[in-house]
Amino acid sequence: MQNQFDSMQIELLLMGKIKEEHILQGTRYYSDKLQHFCKLTVTELGVRKAHSNPTEIIATESAIISSRFKVGYARILLDQRGQMVDSLGLAHKLQHWELHGPPRLQFLVGGAYGVNDEIRHSADWIWSLSDLTFPHLLVRLILLEQLYRAFTIRNKIPYHHG
């Protein structure tokens, strides 16, 4: 399928690894669907449980995430203190990056305690999925589904009914 998003590259940088089969099935489902609209890479960043102090965990995980930053990519941090947009708003954001650059995006999802201020300040956009608190496993699934929904909105494919 040829469309305006063929040149878009999206990488998800995710702390931790999914082991639950039902979540894996859902993430594979939307990852496969997204491949029609962009070049998608999902990078799970494992972390050793060497720390039990939340401050140390945040520092360790933030260092792991920042070590994977790529030059020329816009960074979108998922954080409860970020800006909320509806699905149409996300579709417009994707269109903006496609038209005005960069068409390369890194979505950052920290661990259970979040990320440090350095990561937060380096983000080009901080996005909140909801006022609700979700387990990180569901955040991944919701993120993939919302990206797919945004691409279908942009390409006028009947999926979104809002």
N, C-alpha and C. Protein backbone atom coordinates (compact mmCIF):
# COMPACT_ATOMS: atom_id res chain seq x y z
N MET A 1 0.85 -1.18 0.00
CA MET A 1 0.00 0.00 0.00
C MET A 1 0.90 1.25 0.00
N GLN A 2 0.83 2.04 -1.03
CA GLN A 2 1.61 3.27 -1.13
C GLN A 2 0.83 4.40 -0.49
N ASN A 3 1.47 5.12 0.42
CA ASN A 3 0.80 6.23 1.06
C ASN A 3 1.83 7.25 1.52
N GLN A 4 1.35 8.35 2.07
CA GLN A 4 2.24 9.44 2.45
C GLN A 4 3.14 9.10 3.63
N PHE A 5 2.92 8.00 4.34
CA PHE A 5 3.72 7.66 5.51
C PHE A 5 4.79 6.61 5.21
N ASP A 6 4.98 6.25 3.95
CA ASP A 6 5.95 5.22 3.63
C ASP A 6 7.34 5.55 4.15
N SER A 7 7.68 6.83 4.24
CA SER A 7 9.02 7.20 4.66
C SER A 7 9.12 7.38 6.17
N MET A 8 8.03 7.25 6.90
CA MET A 8 8.07 7.46 8.34
C MET A 8 8.69 6.25 9.04
N GLN A 9 9.59 6.55 9.97
CA GLN A 9 10.22 5.52 10.79
C GLN A 9 9.84 5.78 12.24
N ILE A 10 9.38 4.74 12.91
CA ILE A 10 8.98 4.84 14.30
C ILE A 10 9.68 3.76 15.09
N GLU A 11 10.30 4.19 16.19
CA GLU A 11 10.91 3.23 17.12
C GLU A 11 10.26 3.42 18.48
N LEU A 12 9.86 2.32 19.09
CA LEU A 12 9.36 2.36 20.45
C LEU A 12 10.49 1.88 21.35
N LEU A 13 10.89 2.73 22.31
CA LEU A 13 11.87 2.35 23.31
C LEU A 13 11.10 2.07 24.60
N LEU A 14 11.07 0.81 25.01
CA LEU A 14 10.21 0.37 26.10
C LEU A 14 11.04 -0.29 27.19
N MET A 15 10.87 0.16 28.43
CA MET A 15 11.55 -0.49 29.54
C MET A 15 10.85 -1.81 29.86
N GLY A 16 11.65 -2.83 30.11
CA GLY A 16 11.11 -4.13 30.51
C GLY A 16 10.75 -5.00 29.32
N LYS A 17 10.38 -6.21 29.61
CA LYS A 17 10.03 -7.18 28.58
C LYS A 17 8.65 -7.75 28.88
N ILE A 18 7.90 -7.99 27.82
CA ILE A 18 6.57 -8.59 27.96
C ILE A 18 6.72 -10.10 27.99
N LYS A 19 6.07 -10.72 28.96
CA LYS A 19 6.07 -12.18 29.05
C LYS A 19 4.66 -12.74 28.93
N GLU A 20 3.65 -11.91 29.17
CA GLU A 20 2.26 -12.36 29.15
C GLU A 20 1.80 -12.58 27.71
N GLU A 21 1.38 -13.79 27.41
CA GLU A 21 1.05 -14.16 26.03
C GLU A 21 -0.09 -13.32 25.46
N HIS A 22 -1.11 -13.00 26.25
CA HIS A 22 -2.24 -12.22 25.72
C HIS A 22 -1.80 -10.81 25.32
N ILE A 23 -0.87 -10.21 26.04
CA ILE A 23 -0.35 -8.89 25.67
C ILE A 23 0.55 -9.01 24.44
N LEU A 24 1.37 -10.06 24.41
CA LEU A 24 2.24 -10.29 23.25
C LEU A 24 1.41 -10.43 21.97
N GLN A 25 0.30 -11.15 22.05
CA GLN A 25 -0.56 -11.33 20.88
C GLN A 25 -1.10 -9.98 20.40
N GLY A 26 -1.57 -9.16 21.32
CA GLY A 26 -2.10 -7.85 20.95
C GLY A 26 -1.03 -6.94 20.37
N THR A 27 0.15 -6.94 20.97
CA THR A 27 1.21 -6.06 20.46
C THR A 27 1.68 -6.53 19.08
N ARG A 28 1.77 -7.84 18.88
CA ARG A 28 2.13 -8.36 17.55
C ARG A 28 1.08 -7.99 16.51
N TYR A 29 -0.19 -8.09 16.89
CA TYR A 29 -1.28 -7.77 15.99
C TYR A 29 -1.16 -6.33 15.46
N TYR A 30 -1.01 -5.36 16.37
CA TYR A 30 -0.92 -3.96 15.94
C TYR A 30 0.43 -3.63 15.32
N SER A 31 1.50 -4.27 15.76
CA SER A 31 2.80 -4.06 15.12
C SER A 31 2.75 -4.49 13.67
N ASP A 32 2.13 -5.64 13.40
CA ASP A 32 2.01 -6.12 12.02
C ASP A 32 1.18 -5.15 11.18
N LYS A 33 0.09 -4.65 11.73
CA LYS A 33 -0.76 -3.71 11.00
C LYS A 33 -0.02 -2.39 10.72
N LEU A 34 0.78 -1.93 11.66
CA LEU A 34 1.51 -0.67 11.49
C LEU A 34 2.56 -0.75 10.39
N GLN A 35 3.07 -1.94 10.11
CA GLN A 35 4.10 -2.08 9.08
C GLN A 35 3.60 -1.64 7.70
N HIS A 36 2.28 -1.56 7.52
CA HIS A 36 1.72 -1.08 6.26
C HIS A 36 1.86 0.44 6.11
N PHE A 37 2.11 1.13 7.21
CA PHE A 37 2.12 2.59 7.20
C PHE A 37 3.48 3.21 7.51
N CYS A 38 4.35 2.46 8.15
CA CYS A 38 5.63 3.01 8.57
C CYS A 38 6.62 1.87 8.79
N LYS A 39 7.87 2.24 8.96
CA LYS A 39 8.88 1.26 9.36
C LYS A 39 8.90 1.29 10.88
N LEU A 40 8.43 0.24 11.51
CA LEU A 40 8.29 0.18 12.96
C LEU A 40 9.34 -0.74 13.55
N THR A 41 10.00 -0.24 14.60
CA THR A 41 10.94 -1.03 15.38
C THR A 41 10.50 -0.95 16.83
N VAL A 42 10.39 -2.10 17.47
CA VAL A 42 10.05 -2.15 18.89
C VAL A 42 11.28 -2.66 19.63
N THR A 43 11.81 -1.82 20.52
CA THR A 43 13.01 -2.15 21.26
C THR A 43 12.68 -2.25 22.74
N GLU A 44 12.74 -3.47 23.26
CA GLU A 44 12.53 -3.68 24.69
C GLU A 44 13.88 -3.55 25.39
N LEU A 45 13.94 -2.72 26.40
CA LEU A 45 15.18 -2.46 27.12
C LEU A 45 15.09 -3.13 28.48
N GLY A 46 15.79 -4.23 28.62
CA GLY A 46 15.79 -4.94 29.90
C GLY A 46 16.66 -4.21 30.91
N VAL A 47 16.34 -4.37 32.16
CA VAL A 47 17.13 -3.76 33.22
C VAL A 47 17.32 -4.78 34.33
N ARG A 48 18.53 -4.80 34.85
CA ARG A 48 18.80 -5.69 35.98
C ARG A 48 18.16 -5.11 37.23
N LYS A 49 17.62 -5.95 38.05
CA LYS A 49 16.97 -5.51 39.29
C LYS A 49 18.01 -5.33 40.41
N ALA A 50 19.05 -4.55 40.12
CA ALA A 50 20.11 -4.34 41.11
C ALA A 50 19.72 -3.30 42.16
N HIS A 51 18.70 -2.51 41.87
CA HIS A 51 18.32 -1.43 42.77
C HIS A 51 16.89 -1.64 43.27
N SER A 52 16.66 -1.26 44.50
CA SER A 52 15.30 -1.28 45.01
C SER A 52 14.82 0.13 45.34
N ASN A 53 15.73 1.08 45.33
CA ASN A 53 15.41 2.48 45.60
C ASN A 53 14.86 3.11 44.33
N PRO A 54 13.63 3.67 44.37
CA PRO A 54 13.04 4.27 43.16
C PRO A 54 13.94 5.31 42.49
N THR A 55 14.65 6.10 43.24
CA THR A 55 15.53 7.11 42.65
C THR A 55 16.64 6.45 41.84
N GLU A 56 17.20 5.38 42.37
CA GLU A 56 18.26 4.66 41.65
C GLU A 56 17.69 3.95 40.41
N ILE A 57 16.49 3.41 40.55
CA ILE A 57 15.85 2.74 39.41
C ILE A 57 15.61 3.75 38.28
N ILE A 58 15.08 4.92 38.62
CA ILE A 58 14.84 5.96 37.62
C ILE A 58 16.15 6.34 36.94
N ALA A 59 17.21 6.53 37.70
CA ALA A 59 18.50 6.92 37.14
C ALA A 59 19.04 5.84 36.20
N THR A 60 18.97 4.59 36.63
CA THR A 60 19.48 3.48 35.81
C THR A 60 18.68 3.34 34.53
N GLU A 61 17.36 3.33 34.65
CA GLU A 61 16.52 3.16 33.47
C GLU A 61 16.63 4.35 32.53
N SER A 62 16.72 5.56 33.06
CA SER A 62 16.87 6.75 32.22
C SER A 62 18.18 6.71 31.44
N ALA A 63 19.24 6.24 32.08
CA ALA A 63 20.53 6.12 31.39
C ALA A 63 20.43 5.11 30.24
N ILE A 64 19.72 4.01 30.48
CA ILE A 64 19.54 3.00 29.42
C ILE A 64 18.76 3.60 28.26
N ILE A 65 17.68 4.31 28.56
CA ILE A 65 16.87 4.92 27.50
C ILE A 65 17.69 5.94 26.72
N SER A 66 18.37 6.85 27.43
CA SER A 66 19.10 7.92 26.73
C SER A 66 20.26 7.37 25.90
N SER A 67 20.80 6.22 26.27
CA SER A 67 21.88 5.62 25.48
C SER A 67 21.38 5.14 24.12
N ARG A 68 20.07 5.02 23.96
CA ARG A 68 19.48 4.54 22.71
C ARG A 68 18.91 5.66 21.84
N PHE A 69 19.08 6.92 22.28
CA PHE A 69 18.60 8.04 21.47
C PHE A 69 19.32 8.05 20.13
N LYS A 70 18.58 8.37 19.08
CA LYS A 70 19.14 8.47 17.74
C LYS A 70 19.08 9.91 17.27
N VAL A 71 20.14 10.34 16.63
CA VAL A 71 20.21 11.69 16.06
C VAL A 71 19.21 11.78 14.92
N GLY A 72 18.50 12.90 14.84
CA GLY A 72 17.56 13.11 13.75
C GLY A 72 16.17 12.56 14.00
N TYR A 73 15.95 12.03 15.18
CA TYR A 73 14.63 11.51 15.55
C TYR A 73 13.97 12.47 16.52
N ALA A 74 12.67 12.71 16.35
CA ALA A 74 11.90 13.43 17.36
C ALA A 74 11.62 12.44 18.48
N ARG A 75 11.70 12.93 19.72
CA ARG A 75 11.46 12.08 20.88
C ARG A 75 10.12 12.41 21.50
N ILE A 76 9.28 11.40 21.64
CA ILE A 76 7.96 11.55 22.24
C ILE A 76 7.96 10.71 23.51
N LEU A 77 7.85 11.38 24.64
CA LEU A 77 7.83 10.70 25.93
C LEU A 77 6.40 10.48 26.36
N LEU A 78 6.06 9.24 26.70
CA LEU A 78 4.75 8.98 27.29
C LEU A 78 4.87 9.17 28.79
N ASP A 79 4.09 10.11 29.33
CA ASP A 79 4.19 10.48 30.73
C ASP A 79 2.84 11.02 31.19
N GLN A 80 2.44 10.66 32.38
CA GLN A 80 1.13 11.08 32.88
C GLN A 80 1.00 12.59 33.00
N ARG A 81 2.11 13.32 33.04
CA ARG A 81 2.05 14.78 33.14
C ARG A 81 2.10 15.46 31.77
N GLY A 82 2.01 14.67 30.71
CA GLY A 82 2.08 15.23 29.37
C GLY A 82 0.76 15.77 28.86
N GLN A 83 0.78 16.15 27.60
CA GLN A 83 -0.40 16.70 26.94
C GLN A 83 -1.29 15.56 26.47
N MET A 84 -2.57 15.69 26.71
CA MET A 84 -3.52 14.71 26.20
C MET A 84 -4.06 15.19 24.86
N VAL A 85 -4.16 14.28 23.93
CA VAL A 85 -4.80 14.56 22.64
C VAL A 85 -5.73 13.40 22.34
N ASP A 86 -6.75 13.68 21.54
CA ASP A 86 -7.60 12.59 21.09
C ASP A 86 -6.95 11.94 19.87
N SER A 87 -7.61 10.95 19.33
CA SER A 87 -7.03 10.20 18.20
C SER A 87 -6.83 11.08 16.98
N LEU A 88 -7.76 12.00 16.73
CA LEU A 88 -7.59 12.94 15.61
C LEU A 88 -6.39 13.84 15.84
N GLY A 89 -6.20 14.28 17.08
CA GLY A 89 -5.04 15.10 17.42
C GLY A 89 -3.74 14.36 17.19
N LEU A 90 -3.70 13.09 17.53
CA LEU A 90 -2.50 12.29 17.27
C LEU A 90 -2.26 12.14 15.78
N ALA A 91 -3.31 11.93 15.02
CA ALA A 91 -3.17 11.84 13.56
C ALA A 91 -2.58 13.14 13.01
N HIS A 92 -3.02 14.28 13.54
CA HIS A 92 -2.47 15.57 13.10
C HIS A 92 -1.01 15.72 13.49
N LYS A 93 -0.64 15.24 14.67
CA LYS A 93 0.77 15.27 15.10
C LYS A 93 1.63 14.46 14.14
N LEU A 94 1.17 13.27 13.79
CA LEU A 94 1.93 12.44 12.85
C LEU A 94 2.06 13.13 11.50
N GLN A 95 0.98 13.74 11.06
CA GLN A 95 1.02 14.48 9.79
C GLN A 95 2.03 15.62 9.86
N HIS A 96 2.05 16.32 10.98
CA HIS A 96 3.00 17.43 11.14
C HIS A 96 4.44 16.93 11.01
N TRP A 97 4.77 15.82 11.71
CA TRP A 97 6.14 15.30 11.61
C TRP A 97 6.44 14.80 10.21
N GLU A 98 5.46 14.23 9.55
CA GLU A 98 5.67 13.74 8.19
C GLU A 98 5.97 14.90 7.23
N LEU A 99 5.22 15.99 7.37
CA LEU A 99 5.37 17.11 6.44
C LEU A 99 6.50 18.07 6.81
N HIS A 100 6.74 18.25 8.09
CA HIS A 100 7.70 19.27 8.54
C HIS A 100 8.93 18.68 9.20
N GLY A 101 8.96 17.38 9.36
CA GLY A 101 10.11 16.69 9.89
C GLY A 101 10.26 16.78 11.40
N PRO A 102 11.06 15.90 11.91
CA PRO A 102 11.60 14.76 11.17
C PRO A 102 10.56 13.64 11.05
N PRO A 103 10.60 12.89 9.96
CA PRO A 103 9.66 11.77 9.83
C PRO A 103 10.17 10.51 10.53
N ARG A 104 11.06 10.74 11.51
CA ARG A 104 11.61 9.65 12.32
C ARG A 104 11.29 9.96 13.78
N LEU A 105 10.60 9.03 14.43
CA LEU A 105 10.11 9.26 15.78
C LEU A 105 10.55 8.15 16.72
N GLN A 106 10.94 8.54 17.93
CA GLN A 106 11.20 7.59 19.00
C GLN A 106 10.18 7.85 20.11
N PHE A 107 9.35 6.85 20.39
CA PHE A 107 8.41 6.92 21.49
C PHE A 107 9.09 6.28 22.70
N LEU A 108 9.14 7.00 23.80
CA LEU A 108 9.86 6.57 24.99
C LEU A 108 8.86 6.20 26.10
N VAL A 109 8.97 4.98 26.61
CA VAL A 109 8.13 4.54 27.71
C VAL A 109 9.06 4.05 28.82
N GLY A 110 9.12 4.82 29.90
CA GLY A 110 9.98 4.46 31.02
C GLY A 110 9.41 3.31 31.83
N GLY A 111 10.08 3.02 32.91
CA GLY A 111 9.64 1.96 33.81
C GLY A 111 8.53 2.44 34.73
N ALA A 112 8.25 1.66 35.75
CA ALA A 112 7.14 1.93 36.67
C ALA A 112 7.28 3.27 37.39
N TYR A 113 8.51 3.74 37.58
CA TYR A 113 8.72 5.00 38.30
C TYR A 113 8.94 6.19 37.36
N GLY A 114 8.88 5.96 36.07
CA GLY A 114 9.05 7.05 35.12
C GLY A 114 10.51 7.27 34.76
N VAL A 115 10.80 8.47 34.27
CA VAL A 115 12.14 8.83 33.82
C VAL A 115 12.60 10.09 34.55
N ASN A 116 13.88 10.39 34.40
CA ASN A 116 14.41 11.58 35.07
C ASN A 116 14.10 12.85 34.27
N ASP A 117 14.40 13.99 34.87
CA ASP A 117 14.12 15.28 34.24
C ASP A 117 14.94 15.49 32.97
N GLU A 118 16.12 14.91 32.89
CA GLU A 118 16.95 15.04 31.69
C GLU A 118 16.22 14.45 30.47
N ILE A 119 15.65 13.29 30.64
CA ILE A 119 14.86 12.68 29.55
C ILE A 119 13.65 13.55 29.23
N ARG A 120 12.96 13.98 30.28
CA ARG A 120 11.76 14.80 30.10
C ARG A 120 12.09 16.07 29.31
N HIS A 121 13.20 16.73 29.66
CA HIS A 121 13.57 17.98 28.98
C HIS A 121 14.08 17.75 27.55
N SER A 122 14.55 16.55 27.28
CA SER A 122 15.05 16.26 25.92
C SER A 122 13.92 15.89 24.96
N ALA A 123 12.73 15.65 25.51
CA ALA A 123 11.60 15.23 24.67
C ALA A 123 11.09 16.39 23.82
N ASP A 124 10.74 16.07 22.58
CA ASP A 124 10.14 17.05 21.68
C ASP A 124 8.65 17.22 21.99
N TRP A 125 8.07 16.18 22.56
CA TRP A 125 6.67 16.24 22.96
C TRP A 125 6.48 15.25 24.10
N ILE A 126 5.71 15.65 25.11
CA ILE A 126 5.36 14.76 26.20
C ILE A 126 3.87 14.49 26.10
N TRP A 127 3.53 13.23 25.94
CA TRP A 127 2.17 12.81 25.63
C TRP A 127 1.62 11.97 26.79
N SER A 128 0.44 12.31 27.24
CA SER A 128 -0.26 11.53 28.24
C SER A 128 -1.40 10.79 27.56
N LEU A 129 -1.45 9.49 27.76
CA LEU A 129 -2.54 8.71 27.18
C LEU A 129 -3.86 8.95 27.89
N SER A 130 -3.78 9.25 29.20
CA SER A 130 -5.01 9.35 29.99
C SER A 130 -4.68 9.87 31.38
N ASP A 131 -5.69 10.33 32.09
CA ASP A 131 -5.53 10.62 33.51
C ASP A 131 -5.48 9.33 34.33
N LEU A 132 -5.91 8.24 33.74
CA LEU A 132 -5.88 6.96 34.42
C LEU A 132 -4.45 6.43 34.48
N THR A 133 -4.19 5.57 35.43
CA THR A 133 -2.89 4.90 35.52
C THR A 133 -3.04 3.51 34.91
N PHE A 134 -2.14 3.18 33.97
CA PHE A 134 -2.17 1.88 33.32
C PHE A 134 -0.91 1.11 33.65
N PRO A 135 -0.99 -0.22 33.71
CA PRO A 135 0.23 -1.01 33.82
C PRO A 135 1.05 -0.84 32.53
N HIS A 136 2.35 -0.92 32.66
CA HIS A 136 3.21 -0.68 31.49
C HIS A 136 2.91 -1.63 30.34
N LEU A 137 2.49 -2.83 30.65
CA LEU A 137 2.16 -3.77 29.58
C LEU A 137 1.01 -3.24 28.72
N LEU A 138 0.01 -2.67 29.37
CA LEU A 138 -1.12 -2.13 28.62
C LEU A 138 -0.76 -0.85 27.89
N VAL A 139 0.16 -0.06 28.44
CA VAL A 139 0.60 1.16 27.77
C VAL A 139 1.14 0.82 26.39
N ARG A 140 1.93 -0.23 26.31
CA ARG A 140 2.48 -0.64 25.02
C ARG A 140 1.38 -0.98 24.02
N LEU A 141 0.42 -1.74 24.49
CA LEU A 141 -0.68 -2.15 23.62
C LEU A 141 -1.51 -0.94 23.20
N ILE A 142 -1.82 -0.06 24.14
CA ILE A 142 -2.58 1.15 23.82
C ILE A 142 -1.81 2.04 22.86
N LEU A 143 -0.51 2.20 23.08
CA LEU A 143 0.32 3.02 22.20
C LEU A 143 0.28 2.48 20.77
N LEU A 144 0.49 1.20 20.61
CA LEU A 144 0.46 0.61 19.26
C LEU A 144 -0.90 0.77 18.61
N GLU A 145 -1.96 0.52 19.38
CA GLU A 145 -3.31 0.65 18.81
C GLU A 145 -3.59 2.10 18.41
N GLN A 146 -3.19 3.06 19.23
CA GLN A 146 -3.45 4.46 18.91
C GLN A 146 -2.62 4.93 17.71
N LEU A 147 -1.40 4.44 17.57
CA LEU A 147 -0.63 4.76 16.37
C LEU A 147 -1.31 4.19 15.13
N TYR A 148 -1.77 2.94 15.22
CA TYR A 148 -2.50 2.35 14.10
C TYR A 148 -3.75 3.16 13.78
N ARG A 149 -4.49 3.52 14.81
CA ARG A 149 -5.71 4.31 14.61
C ARG A 149 -5.38 5.63 13.93
N ALA A 150 -4.32 6.31 14.36
CA ALA A 150 -3.94 7.59 13.77
C ALA A 150 -3.60 7.43 12.29
N PHE A 151 -2.88 6.37 11.96
CA PHE A 151 -2.54 6.16 10.55
C PHE A 151 -3.79 5.86 9.72
N THR A 152 -4.74 5.11 10.29
CA THR A 152 -5.97 4.83 9.52
C THR A 152 -6.78 6.11 9.33
N ILE A 153 -6.78 6.99 10.33
CA ILE A 153 -7.46 8.28 10.18
C ILE A 153 -6.81 9.07 9.05
N ARG A 154 -5.48 9.15 9.05
CA ARG A 154 -4.75 9.91 8.03
C ARG A 154 -4.98 9.35 6.64
N ASN A 155 -5.14 8.05 6.55
CA ASN A 155 -5.30 7.40 5.25
C ASN A 155 -6.75 7.12 4.90
N LYS A 156 -7.68 7.67 5.72
CA LYS A 156 -9.12 7.53 5.47
C LYS A 156 -9.55 6.07 5.32
N ILE A 157 -9.00 5.22 6.18
CA ILE A 157 -9.36 3.82 6.23
C ILE A 157 -10.39 3.65 7.34
N PRO A 158 -11.52 3.03 7.07
CA PRO A 158 -12.58 2.93 8.08
C PRO A 158 -12.18 2.01 9.24
N TYR A 159 -11.70 2.61 10.29
CA TYR A 159 -11.38 1.92 11.53
C TYR A 159 -11.87 2.78 12.70
N HIS A 160 -11.56 4.08 12.62
CA HIS A 160 -11.94 5.03 13.66
C HIS A 160 -13.38 5.49 13.43
N HIS A 161 -14.17 5.48 14.48
CA HIS A 161 -15.58 5.87 14.35
C HIS A 161 -15.90 7.08 15.22
N GLY A 162 -14.96 8.00 15.34
CA GLY A 162 -15.17 9.14 16.24
C GLY A 162 -15.53 10.41 15.56
